Amino acid sequence: MSQQTISQPLISHATESHSTGSQEETLDRISRGAFVRVVAVDGGDAIARRLDDLGLRVGVEVEVIRQAPLGDPTVFELHGYQLCLRRTESQRVRVSPSAPSSSEINKAGAAS
């Protein structure tokens, strides 16, 4: 059997238009309660494809819900469901700050 080497990523979620001057971070560095928007998902391997399957795509809004006591894993909310990721997975997701959507504002108002 021969081993294949992947020279280019199979999945490239990065876009040229994301350099708007906003601060980019990786998802693992975002504080609890913050809202961010996905700018890119790095990598072209099975993990990057799985993150795509789970809905982590360019433009998706994500809220950081909670972190384990030692900071790993972290629970995120996107597309109306909660997703738990390890730090190694969330490090692949580049995000920029985002204001909460109107549905998130309504949800927070209903909870209080």
PDB file of N, CA and C in Angstrom:
ATOM      1  N   MET A   1       0.832  -1.185   0.000  1.00  0.00           N
ATOM      2  CA  MET A   1       0.000   0.000   0.000  1.00  0.00           C
ATOM      3  C   MET A   1       0.873   1.243   0.000  1.00  0.00           C
ATOM      4  N   SER A   2       0.454   2.228  -0.748  1.00  0.00           N
ATOM      5  CA  SER A   2       1.205   3.476  -0.775  1.00  0.00           C
ATOM      6  C   SER A   2       0.480   4.523   0.066  1.00  0.00           C
ATOM      7  N   GLN A   3       1.266   5.370   0.651  1.00  0.00           N
ATOM      8  CA  GLN A   3       0.703   6.420   1.490  1.00  0.00           C
ATOM      9  C   GLN A   3       0.590   7.689   0.668  1.00  0.00           C
ATOM     10  N   GLN A   4      -0.591   8.295   0.671  1.00  0.00           N
ATOM     11  CA  GLN A   4      -0.790   9.524  -0.076  1.00  0.00           C
ATOM     12  C   GLN A   4      -0.419  10.721   0.779  1.00  0.00           C
ATOM     13  N   THR A   5       0.178  11.691   0.162  1.00  0.00           N
ATOM     14  CA  THR A   5       0.490  12.938   0.839  1.00  0.00           C
ATOM     15  C   THR A   5      -0.416  14.013   0.272  1.00  0.00           C
ATOM     16  N   ILE A   6      -1.099  14.691   1.152  1.00  0.00           N
ATOM     17  CA  ILE A   6      -1.995  15.769   0.719  1.00  0.00           C
ATOM     18  C   ILE A   6      -1.206  17.058   0.751  1.00  0.00           C
ATOM     19  N   SER A   7      -0.993  17.644  -0.416  1.00  0.00           N
ATOM     20  CA  SER A   7      -0.207  18.865  -0.487  1.00  0.00           C
ATOM     21  C   SER A   7      -1.066  20.106  -0.342  1.00  0.00           C
ATOM     22  N   GLN A   8      -2.332  20.024  -0.700  1.00  0.00           N
ATOM     23  CA  GLN A   8      -3.225  21.155  -0.560  1.00  0.00           C
ATOM     24  C   GLN A   8      -4.427  20.731   0.266  1.00  0.00           C
ATOM     25  N   PRO A   9      -4.993  21.673   1.043  1.00  0.00           N
ATOM     26  CA  PRO A   9      -6.140  21.311   1.856  1.00  0.00           C
ATOM     27  C   PRO A   9      -7.326  20.879   1.000  1.00  0.00           C
ATOM     28  N   LEU A  10      -8.023  19.848   1.456  1.00  0.00           N
ATOM     29  CA  LEU A  10      -9.226  19.407   0.763  1.00  0.00           C
ATOM     30  C   LEU A  10     -10.363  20.392   0.970  1.00  0.00           C
ATOM     31  N   ILE A  11     -10.382  21.006   2.142  1.00  0.00           N
ATOM     32  CA  ILE A  11     -11.430  21.963   2.469  1.00  0.00           C
ATOM     33  C   ILE A  11     -10.760  23.284   2.782  1.00  0.00           C
ATOM     34  N   SER A  12     -11.135  24.302   2.100  1.00  0.00           N
ATOM     35  CA  SER A  12     -10.609  25.627   2.384  1.00  0.00           C
ATOM     36  C   SER A  12     -11.784  26.554   2.602  1.00  0.00           C
ATOM     37  N   HIS A  13     -12.027  26.886   3.859  1.00  0.00           N
ATOM     38  CA  HIS A  13     -13.143  27.766   4.194  1.00  0.00           C
ATOM     39  C   HIS A  13     -12.724  29.220   4.247  1.00  0.00           C
ATOM     40  N   ALA A  14     -11.450  29.486   4.124  1.00  0.00           N
ATOM     41  CA  ALA A  14     -10.974  30.856   4.190  1.00  0.00           C
ATOM     42  C   ALA A  14     -11.404  31.610   2.941  1.00  0.00           C
ATOM     43  N   THR A  15     -11.747  32.864   3.129  1.00  0.00           N
ATOM     44  CA  THR A  15     -12.116  33.701   1.994  1.00  0.00           C
ATOM     45  C   THR A  15     -11.192  34.903   1.943  1.00  0.00           C
ATOM     46  N   GLU A  16     -10.993  35.429   0.773  1.00  0.00           N
ATOM     47  CA  GLU A  16     -10.129  36.589   0.610  1.00  0.00           C
ATOM     48  C   GLU A  16     -10.756  37.833   1.225  1.00  0.00           C
ATOM     49  N   SER A  17     -12.068  37.879   1.343  1.00  0.00           N
ATOM     50  CA  SER A  17     -12.752  39.092   1.795  1.00  0.00           C
ATOM     51  C   SER A  17     -12.824  39.204   3.304  1.00  0.00           C
ATOM     52  N   HIS A  18     -12.190  38.298   4.067  1.00  0.00           N
ATOM     53  CA  HIS A  18     -12.331  38.365   5.508  1.00  0.00           C
ATOM     54  C   HIS A  18     -11.367  39.333   6.178  1.00  0.00           C
ATOM     55  N   SER A  19     -10.531  40.012   5.435  1.00  0.00           N
ATOM     56  CA  SER A  19      -9.610  40.973   6.027  1.00  0.00           C
ATOM     57  C   SER A  19     -10.275  42.340   6.118  1.00  0.00           C
ATOM     58  N   THR A  20     -11.224  42.461   7.023  1.00  0.00           N
ATOM     59  CA  THR A  20     -11.987  43.694   7.186  1.00  0.00           C
ATOM     60  C   THR A  20     -11.435  44.559   8.296  1.00  0.00           C
ATOM     61  N   GLY A  21     -10.284  44.177   8.855  1.00  0.00           N
ATOM     62  CA  GLY A  21      -9.703  44.951   9.922  1.00  0.00           C
ATOM     63  C   GLY A  21     -10.195  44.510  11.300  1.00  0.00           C
ATOM     64  N   SER A  22     -11.150  43.599  11.350  1.00  0.00           N
ATOM     65  CA  SER A  22     -11.625  43.128  12.646  1.00  0.00           C
ATOM     66  C   SER A  22     -10.609  42.151  13.219  1.00  0.00           C
ATOM     67  N   GLN A  23     -10.665  41.983  14.522  1.00  0.00           N
ATOM     68  CA  GLN A  23      -9.722  41.100  15.189  1.00  0.00           C
ATOM     69  C   GLN A  23     -10.122  39.650  15.001  1.00  0.00           C
ATOM     70  N   GLU A  24      -9.225  38.871  14.457  1.00  0.00           N
ATOM     71  CA  GLU A  24      -9.462  37.434  14.308  1.00  0.00           C
ATOM     72  C   GLU A  24      -8.801  36.702  15.455  1.00  0.00           C
ATOM     73  N   GLU A  25      -9.483  35.703  15.957  1.00  0.00           N
ATOM     74  CA  GLU A  25      -8.972  34.818  17.003  1.00  0.00           C
ATOM     75  C   GLU A  25      -9.339  33.404  16.603  1.00  0.00           C
ATOM     76  N   THR A  26      -8.822  32.454  17.339  1.00  0.00           N
ATOM     77  CA  THR A  26      -9.297  31.089  17.167  1.00  0.00           C
ATOM     78  C   THR A  26     -10.371  30.842  18.225  1.00  0.00           C
ATOM     79  N   LEU A  27     -11.279  29.942  17.932  1.00  0.00           N
ATOM     80  CA  LEU A  27     -12.449  29.706  18.771  1.00  0.00           C
ATOM     81  C   LEU A  27     -12.075  29.296  20.193  1.00  0.00           C
ATOM     82  N   ASP A  28     -10.941  28.640  20.384  1.00  0.00           N
ATOM     83  CA  ASP A  28     -10.528  28.218  21.723  1.00  0.00           C
ATOM     84  C   ASP A  28     -10.157  29.379  22.635  1.00  0.00           C
ATOM     85  N   ARG A  29      -9.951  30.567  22.094  1.00  0.00           N
ATOM     86  CA  ARG A  29      -9.531  31.739  22.886  1.00  0.00           C
ATOM     87  C   ARG A  29     -10.676  32.683  23.230  1.00  0.00           C
ATOM     88  N   ILE A  30     -11.886  32.333  22.872  1.00  0.00           N
ATOM     89  CA  ILE A  30     -13.036  33.213  23.078  1.00  0.00           C
ATOM     90  C   ILE A  30     -13.637  32.975  24.464  1.00  0.00           C
ATOM     91  N   SER A  31     -13.996  34.057  25.133  1.00  0.00           N
ATOM     92  CA  SER A  31     -14.552  33.982  26.488  1.00  0.00           C
ATOM     93  C   SER A  31     -15.993  33.512  26.487  1.00  0.00           C
ATOM     94  N   ARG A  32     -16.394  32.916  27.605  1.00  0.00           N
ATOM     95  CA  ARG A  32     -17.764  32.452  27.791  1.00  0.00           C
ATOM     96  C   ARG A  32     -18.742  33.620  27.623  1.00  0.00           C
ATOM     97  N   GLY A  33     -19.840  33.359  26.926  1.00  0.00           N
ATOM     98  CA  GLY A  33     -20.863  34.369  26.706  1.00  0.00           C
ATOM     99  C   GLY A  33     -20.657  35.222  25.461  1.00  0.00           C
ATOM    100  N   ALA A  34     -19.505  35.106  24.830  1.00  0.00           N
ATOM    101  CA  ALA A  34     -19.198  35.914  23.645  1.00  0.00           C
ATOM    102  C   ALA A  34     -19.853  35.321  22.402  1.00  0.00           C
ATOM    103  N   PHE A  35     -20.188  36.206  21.473  1.00  0.00           N
ATOM    104  CA  PHE A  35     -20.713  35.816  20.169  1.00  0.00           C
ATOM    105  C   PHE A  35     -19.651  36.108  19.125  1.00  0.00           C
ATOM    106  N   VAL A  36     -19.407  35.134  18.256  1.00  0.00           N
ATOM    107  CA  VAL A  36     -18.424  35.301  17.193  1.00  0.00           C
ATOM    108  C   VAL A  36     -18.986  34.733  15.893  1.00  0.00           C
ATOM    109  N   ARG A  37     -18.352  35.099  14.791  1.00  0.00           N
ATOM    110  CA  ARG A  37     -18.734  34.594  13.482  1.00  0.00           C
ATOM    111  C   ARG A  37     -17.537  33.870  12.878  1.00  0.00           C
ATOM    112  N   VAL A  38     -17.772  32.688  12.316  1.00  0.00           N
ATOM    113  CA  VAL A  38     -16.700  31.886  11.728  1.00  0.00           C
ATOM    114  C   VAL A  38     -16.166  32.581  10.477  1.00  0.00           C
ATOM    115  N   VAL A  39     -14.843  32.700  10.427  1.00  0.00           N
ATOM    116  CA  VAL A  39     -14.155  33.307   9.288  1.00  0.00           C
ATOM    117  C   VAL A  39     -13.512  32.228   8.425  1.00  0.00           C
ATOM    118  N   ALA A  40     -12.988  31.174   9.068  1.00  0.00           N
ATOM    119  CA  ALA A  40     -12.325  30.096   8.332  1.00  0.00           C
ATOM    120  C   ALA A  40     -12.178  28.878   9.232  1.00  0.00           C
ATOM    121  N   VAL A  41     -12.069  27.718   8.615  1.00  0.00           N
ATOM    122  CA  VAL A  41     -11.731  26.474   9.318  1.00  0.00           C
ATOM    123  C   VAL A  41     -10.466  25.949   8.663  1.00  0.00           C
ATOM    124  N   ASP A  42      -9.412  25.830   9.455  1.00  0.00           N
ATOM    125  CA  ASP A  42      -8.112  25.432   8.925  1.00  0.00           C
ATOM    126  C   ASP A  42      -7.979  23.919   8.819  1.00  0.00           C
ATOM    127  N   GLY A  43      -7.283  23.485   7.803  1.00  0.00           N
ATOM    128  CA  GLY A  43      -6.985  22.072   7.626  1.00  0.00           C
ATOM    129  C   GLY A  43      -7.774  21.454   6.499  1.00  0.00           C
ATOM    130  N   GLY A  44      -7.292  20.319   6.042  1.00  0.00           N
ATOM    131  CA  GLY A  44      -7.948  19.601   4.965  1.00  0.00           C
ATOM    132  C   GLY A  44      -8.076  18.131   5.281  1.00  0.00           C
ATOM    133  N   ASP A  45      -8.086  17.811   6.552  1.00  0.00           N
ATOM    134  CA  ASP A  45      -8.129  16.413   6.965  1.00  0.00           C
ATOM    135  C   ASP A  45      -9.529  16.025   7.444  1.00  0.00           C
ATOM    136  N   ALA A  46      -9.632  14.848   8.024  1.00  0.00           N
ATOM    137  CA  ALA A  46     -10.926  14.326   8.481  1.00  0.00           C
ATOM    138  C   ALA A  46     -11.544  15.196   9.570  1.00  0.00           C
ATOM    139  N   ILE A  47     -10.727  15.787  10.433  1.00  0.00           N
ATOM    140  CA  ILE A  47     -11.278  16.637  11.491  1.00  0.00           C
ATOM    141  C   ILE A  47     -11.892  17.892  10.895  1.00  0.00           C
ATOM    142  N   ALA A  48     -11.232  18.508   9.931  1.00  0.00           N
ATOM    143  CA  ALA A  48     -11.787  19.697   9.278  1.00  0.00           C
ATOM    144  C   ALA A  48     -13.093  19.361   8.562  1.00  0.00           C
ATOM    145  N   ARG A  49     -13.147  18.214   7.926  1.00  0.00           N
ATOM    146  CA  ARG A  49     -14.391  17.795   7.255  1.00  0.00           C
ATOM    147  C   ARG A  49     -15.504  17.564   8.278  1.00  0.00           C
ATOM    148  N   ARG A  50     -15.147  16.983   9.429  1.00  0.00           N
ATOM    149  CA  ARG A  50     -16.148  16.737  10.475  1.00  0.00           C
ATOM    150  C   ARG A  50     -16.660  18.049  11.053  1.00  0.00           C
ATOM    151  N   LEU A  51     -15.796  19.025  11.258  1.00  0.00           N
ATOM    152  CA  LEU A  51     -16.238  20.336  11.736  1.00  0.00           C
ATOM    153  C   LEU A  51     -17.204  20.965  10.737  1.00  0.00           C
ATOM    154  N   ASP A  52     -16.925  20.794   9.461  1.00  0.00           N
ATOM    155  CA  ASP A  52     -17.825  21.278   8.418  1.00  0.00           C
ATOM    156  C   ASP A  52     -19.172  20.554   8.503  1.00  0.00           C
ATOM    157  N   ASP A  53     -19.149  19.248   8.674  1.00  0.00           N
ATOM    158  CA  ASP A  53     -20.380  18.466   8.807  1.00  0.00           C
ATOM    159  C   ASP A  53     -21.201  18.907  10.014  1.00  0.00           C
ATOM    160  N   LEU A  54     -20.525  19.337  11.069  1.00  0.00           N
ATOM    161  CA  LEU A  54     -21.205  19.775  12.288  1.00  0.00           C
ATOM    162  C   LEU A  54     -21.734  21.202  12.182  1.00  0.00           C
ATOM    163  N   GLY A  55     -21.469  21.882  11.067  1.00  0.00           N
ATOM    164  CA  GLY A  55     -22.029  23.210  10.847  1.00  0.00           C
ATOM    165  C   GLY A  55     -21.077  24.362  11.033  1.00  0.00           C
ATOM    166  N   LEU A  56     -19.827  24.103  11.343  1.00  0.00           N
ATOM    167  CA  LEU A  56     -18.849  25.180  11.513  1.00  0.00           C
ATOM    168  C   LEU A  56     -18.322  25.587  10.142  1.00  0.00           C
ATOM    169  N   ARG A  57     -19.034  26.546   9.549  1.00  0.00           N
ATOM    170  CA  ARG A  57     -18.715  27.046   8.206  1.00  0.00           C
ATOM    171  C   ARG A  57     -18.594  28.559   8.245  1.00  0.00           C
ATOM    172  N   VAL A  58     -17.990  29.133   7.236  1.00  0.00           N
ATOM    173  CA  VAL A  58     -17.823  30.580   7.133  1.00  0.00           C
ATOM    174  C   VAL A  58     -19.184  31.268   7.252  1.00  0.00           C
ATOM    175  N   GLY A  59     -19.234  32.285   8.116  1.00  0.00           N
ATOM    176  CA  GLY A  59     -20.439  33.083   8.288  1.00  0.00           C
ATOM    177  C   GLY A  59     -21.347  32.628   9.413  1.00  0.00           C
ATOM    178  N   VAL A  60     -21.121  31.461   9.971  1.00  0.00           N
ATOM    179  CA  VAL A  60     -21.982  30.925  11.023  1.00  0.00           C
ATOM    180  C   VAL A  60     -21.689  31.643  12.342  1.00  0.00           C
ATOM    181  N   GLU A  61     -22.758  32.048  13.046  1.00  0.00           N
ATOM    182  CA  GLU A  61     -22.602  32.682  14.351  1.00  0.00           C
ATOM    183  C   GLU A  61     -22.518  31.609  15.437  1.00  0.00           C
ATOM    184  N   VAL A  62     -21.582  31.802  16.365  1.00  0.00           N
ATOM    185  CA  VAL A  62     -21.335  30.841  17.436  1.00  0.00           C
ATOM    186  C   VAL A  62     -21.310  31.596  18.764  1.00  0.00           C
ATOM    187  N   GLU A  63     -21.948  31.009  19.777  1.00  0.00           N
ATOM    188  CA  GLU A  63     -21.876  31.557  21.132  1.00  0.00           C
ATOM    189  C   GLU A  63     -21.118  30.564  22.010  1.00  0.00           C
ATOM    190  N   VAL A  64     -20.244  31.099  22.866  1.00  0.00           N
ATOM    191  CA  VAL A  64     -19.527  30.254  23.818  1.00  0.00           C
ATOM    192  C   VAL A  64     -20.413  30.103  25.042  1.00  0.00           C
ATOM    193  N   ILE A  65     -20.851  28.875  25.326  1.00  0.00           N
ATOM    194  CA  ILE A  65     -21.795  28.614  26.412  1.00  0.00           C
ATOM    195  C   ILE A  65     -21.082  28.357  27.736  1.00  0.00           C
ATOM    196  N   ARG A  66     -20.181  27.401  27.770  1.00  0.00           N
ATOM    197  CA  ARG A  66     -19.470  27.098  29.020  1.00  0.00           C
ATOM    198  C   ARG A  66     -18.192  26.313  28.722  1.00  0.00           C
ATOM    199  N   GLN A  67     -17.299  26.351  29.722  1.00  0.00           N
ATOM    200  CA  GLN A  67     -16.039  25.625  29.625  1.00  0.00           C
ATOM    201  C   GLN A  67     -15.893  24.703  30.823  1.00  0.00           C
ATOM    202  N   ALA A  68     -15.219  23.604  30.612  1.00  0.00           N
ATOM    203  CA  ALA A  68     -14.886  22.706  31.715  1.00  0.00           C
ATOM    204  C   ALA A  68     -13.951  23.454  32.675  1.00  0.00           C
ATOM    205  N   PRO A  69     -13.854  23.018  33.932  1.00  0.00           N
ATOM    206  CA  PRO A  69     -13.029  23.724  34.913  1.00  0.00           C
ATOM    207  C   PRO A  69     -11.594  23.994  34.465  1.00  0.00           C
ATOM    208  N   LEU A  70     -10.995  23.105  33.725  1.00  0.00           N
ATOM    209  CA  LEU A  70      -9.634  23.333  33.249  1.00  0.00           C
ATOM    210  C   LEU A  70      -9.605  23.914  31.837  1.00  0.00           C
ATOM    211  N   GLY A  71     -10.758  24.329  31.323  1.00  0.00           N
ATOM    212  CA  GLY A  71     -10.833  24.995  30.024  1.00  0.00           C
ATOM    213  C   GLY A  71     -10.960  24.086  28.822  1.00  0.00           C
ATOM    214  N   ASP A  72     -11.057  22.792  29.035  1.00  0.00           N
ATOM    215  CA  ASP A  72     -11.138  21.870  27.903  1.00  0.00           C
ATOM    216  C   ASP A  72     -11.977  20.669  28.308  1.00  0.00           C
ATOM    217  N   PRO A  73     -13.050  20.346  27.651  1.00  0.00           N
ATOM    218  CA  PRO A  73     -13.598  20.928  26.429  1.00  0.00           C
ATOM    219  C   PRO A  73     -14.467  22.160  26.702  1.00  0.00           C
ATOM    220  N   THR A  74     -14.975  22.744  25.626  1.00  0.00           N
ATOM    221  CA  THR A  74     -15.844  23.912  25.680  1.00  0.00           C
ATOM    222  C   THR A  74     -17.126  23.597  24.920  1.00  0.00           C
ATOM    223  N   VAL A  75     -18.237  24.143  25.420  1.00  0.00           N
ATOM    224  CA  VAL A  75     -19.536  23.963  24.773  1.00  0.00           C
ATOM    225  C   VAL A  75     -19.886  25.247  24.023  1.00  0.00           C
ATOM    226  N   PHE A  76     -20.255  25.085  22.760  1.00  0.00           N
ATOM    227  CA  PHE A  76     -20.636  26.195  21.892  1.00  0.00           C
ATOM    228  C   PHE A  76     -22.074  25.989  21.428  1.00  0.00           C
ATOM    229  N   GLU A  77     -22.749  27.091  21.092  1.00  0.00           N
ATOM    230  CA  GLU A  77     -24.081  26.976  20.506  1.00  0.00           C
ATOM    231  C   GLU A  77     -24.051  27.574  19.103  1.00  0.00           C
ATOM    232  N   LEU A  78     -24.576  26.810  18.146  1.00  0.00           N
ATOM    233  CA  LEU A  78     -24.681  27.257  16.767  1.00  0.00           C
ATOM    234  C   LEU A  78     -25.839  26.525  16.109  1.00  0.00           C
ATOM    235  N   HIS A  79     -26.492  27.154  15.183  1.00  0.00           N
ATOM    236  CA  HIS A  79     -27.615  26.542  14.466  1.00  0.00           C
ATOM    237  C   HIS A  79     -28.683  25.985  15.410  1.00  0.00           C
ATOM    238  N   GLY A  80     -28.813  26.552  16.619  1.00  0.00           N
ATOM    239  CA  GLY A  80     -29.847  26.100  17.544  1.00  0.00           C
ATOM    240  C   GLY A  80     -29.508  24.847  18.334  1.00  0.00           C
ATOM    241  N   TYR A  81     -28.271  24.375  18.278  1.00  0.00           N
ATOM    242  CA  TYR A  81     -27.881  23.213  19.084  1.00  0.00           C
ATOM    243  C   TYR A  81     -26.539  23.496  19.756  1.00  0.00           C
ATOM    244  N   GLN A  82     -26.211  22.690  20.755  1.00  0.00           N
ATOM    245  CA  GLN A  82     -24.961  22.848  21.475  1.00  0.00           C
ATOM    246  C   GLN A  82     -23.957  21.804  21.017  1.00  0.00           C
ATOM    247  N   LEU A  83     -22.729  22.245  20.873  1.00  0.00           N
ATOM    248  CA  LEU A  83     -21.646  21.413  20.365  1.00  0.00           C
ATOM    249  C   LEU A  83     -20.463  21.510  21.324  1.00  0.00           C
ATOM    250  N   CYS A  84     -19.942  20.388  21.736  1.00  0.00           N
ATOM    251  CA  CYS A  84     -18.798  20.338  22.643  1.00  0.00           C
ATOM    252  C   CYS A  84     -17.547  19.982  21.828  1.00  0.00           C
ATOM    253  N   LEU A  85     -16.517  20.831  21.931  1.00  0.00           N
ATOM    254  CA  LEU A  85     -15.273  20.606  21.189  1.00  0.00           C
ATOM    255  C   LEU A  85     -14.080  20.630  22.117  1.00  0.00           C
ATOM    256  N   ARG A  86     -13.098  19.822  21.798  1.00  0.00           N
ATOM    257  CA  ARG A  86     -11.814  19.885  22.494  1.00  0.00           C
ATOM    258  C   ARG A  86     -11.041  21.105  22.001  1.00  0.00           C
ATOM    259  N   ARG A  87     -10.071  21.514  22.780  1.00  0.00           N
ATOM    260  CA  ARG A  87      -9.263  22.674  22.403  1.00  0.00           C
ATOM    261  C   ARG A  87      -8.566  22.453  21.058  1.00  0.00           C
ATOM    262  N   THR A  88      -8.068  21.244  20.823  1.00  0.00           N
ATOM    263  CA  THR A  88      -7.363  20.977  19.562  1.00  0.00           C
ATOM    264  C   THR A  88      -8.283  21.151  18.356  1.00  0.00           C
ATOM    265  N   GLU A  89      -9.564  20.897  18.531  1.00  0.00           N
ATOM    266  CA  GLU A  89     -10.532  21.088  17.444  1.00  0.00           C
ATOM    267  C   GLU A  89     -10.907  22.559  17.292  1.00  0.00           C
ATOM    268  N   SER A  90     -11.166  23.227  18.412  1.00  0.00           N
ATOM    269  CA  SER A  90     -11.596  24.631  18.339  1.00  0.00           C
ATOM    270  C   SER A  90     -10.465  25.563  17.917  1.00  0.00           C
ATOM    271  N   GLN A  91      -9.206  25.109  18.045  1.00  0.00           N
ATOM    272  CA  GLN A  91      -8.073  25.913  17.573  1.00  0.00           C
ATOM    273  C   GLN A  91      -8.064  26.050  16.056  1.00  0.00           C
ATOM    274  N   ARG A  92      -8.725  25.171  15.366  1.00  0.00           N
ATOM    275  CA  ARG A  92      -8.758  25.195  13.901  1.00  0.00           C
ATOM    276  C   ARG A  92      -9.758  26.198  13.350  1.00  0.00           C
ATOM    277  N   VAL A  93     -10.660  26.679  14.198  1.00  0.00           N
ATOM    278  CA  VAL A  93     -11.745  27.550  13.746  1.00  0.00           C
ATOM    279  C   VAL A  93     -11.368  29.003  14.023  1.00  0.00           C
ATOM    280  N   ARG A  94     -11.178  29.775  12.945  1.00  0.00           N
ATOM    281  CA  ARG A  94     -10.871  31.201  13.088  1.00  0.00           C
ATOM    282  C   ARG A  94     -12.169  31.981  13.069  1.00  0.00           C
ATOM    283  N   VAL A  95     -12.282  32.938  14.000  1.00  0.00           N
ATOM    284  CA  VAL A  95     -13.528  33.694  14.175  1.00  0.00           C
ATOM    285  C   VAL A  95     -13.228  35.175  14.337  1.00  0.00           C
ATOM    286  N   SER A  96     -14.272  35.984  14.162  1.00  0.00           N
ATOM    287  CA  SER A  96     -14.195  37.412  14.438  1.00  0.00           C
ATOM    288  C   SER A  96     -15.391  37.784  15.309  1.00  0.00           C
ATOM    289  N   PRO A  97     -15.276  38.881  16.069  1.00  0.00           N
ATOM    290  CA  PRO A  97     -16.372  39.276  16.954  1.00  0.00           C
ATOM    291  C   PRO A  97     -17.669  39.510  16.188  1.00  0.00           C
ATOM    292  N   SER A  98     -18.781  39.214  16.848  1.00  0.00           N
ATOM    293  CA  SER A  98     -20.098  39.385  16.240  1.00  0.00           C
ATOM    294  C   SER A  98     -21.075  39.833  17.312  1.00  0.00           C
ATOM    295  N   ALA A  99     -22.003  40.675  16.929  1.00  0.00           N
ATOM    296  CA  ALA A  99     -23.081  41.040  17.843  1.00  0.00           C
ATOM    297  C   ALA A  99     -24.090  39.905  17.853  1.00  0.00           C
ATOM    298  N   PRO A 100     -24.773  39.682  18.978  1.00  0.00           N
ATOM    299  CA  PRO A 100     -25.783  38.623  19.001  1.00  0.00           C
ATOM    300  C   PRO A 100     -26.902  38.919  18.015  1.00  0.00           C
ATOM    301  N   SER A 101     -27.429  37.872  17.389  1.00  0.00           N
ATOM    302  CA  SER A 101     -28.528  38.038  16.441  1.00  0.00           C
ATOM    303  C   SER A 101     -29.795  38.408  17.202  1.00  0.00           C
ATOM    304  N   SER A 102     -30.820  38.866  16.493  1.00  0.00           N
ATOM    305  CA  SER A 102     -32.080  39.259  17.137  1.00  0.00           C
ATOM    306  C   SER A 102     -32.726  38.073  17.833  1.00  0.00           C
ATOM    307  N   SER A 103     -32.580  36.857  17.304  1.00  0.00           N
ATOM    308  CA  SER A 103     -33.152  35.687  17.964  1.00  0.00           C
ATOM    309  C   SER A 103     -32.455  35.411  19.289  1.00  0.00           C
ATOM    310  N   GLU A 104     -31.140  35.659  19.352  1.00  0.00           N
ATOM    311  CA  GLU A 104     -30.417  35.482  20.606  1.00  0.00           C
ATOM    312  C   GLU A 104     -30.824  36.543  21.625  1.00  0.00           C
ATOM    313  N   ILE A 105     -31.054  37.768  21.171  1.00  0.00           N
ATOM    314  CA  ILE A 105     -31.503  38.832  22.065  1.00  0.00           C
ATOM    315  C   ILE A 105     -32.882  38.489  22.615  1.00  0.00           C
ATOM    316  N   ASN A 106     -33.787  38.002  21.753  1.00  0.00           N
ATOM    317  CA  ASN A 106     -35.122  37.609  22.194  1.00  0.00           C
ATOM    318  C   ASN A 106     -35.061  36.454  23.181  1.00  0.00           C
ATOM    319  N   LYS A 107     -34.182  35.498  22.952  1.00  0.00           N
ATOM    320  CA  LYS A 107     -34.042  34.343  23.836  1.00  0.00           C
ATOM    321  C   LYS A 107     -33.547  34.797  25.203  1.00  0.00           C
ATOM    322  N   ALA A 108     -32.610  35.735  25.236  1.00  0.00           N
ATOM    323  CA  ALA A 108     -32.083  36.233  26.506  1.00  0.00           C
ATOM    324  C   ALA A 108     -33.141  37.032  27.264  1.00  0.00           C
ATOM    325  N   GLY A 109     -33.966  37.786  26.530  1.00  0.00           N
ATOM    326  CA  GLY A 109     -35.037  38.554  27.160  1.00  0.00           C
ATOM    327  C   GLY A 109     -36.089  37.659  27.749  1.00  0.00           C
ATOM    328  N   ALA A 110     -36.387  36.558  27.109  1.00  0.00           N
ATOM    329  CA  ALA A 110     -37.402  35.625  27.592  1.00  0.00           C
ATOM    330  C   ALA A 110     -36.922  34.879  28.820  1.00  0.00           C
ATOM    331  N   ALA A 111     -35.608  34.708  28.950  1.00  0.00           N
ATOM    332  CA  ALA A 111     -35.060  33.973  30.088  1.00  0.00           C
ATOM    333  C   ALA A 111     -35.051  34.816  31.373  1.00  0.00           C
ATOM    334  N   SER A 112     -35.111  36.138  31.230  1.00  0.00           N
ATOM    335  CA  SER A 112     -35.048  36.971  32.432  1.00  0.00           C
ATOM    336  C   SER A 112     -36.382  37.413  32.933  1.00  0.00           C
TER     337      SER A 112
END
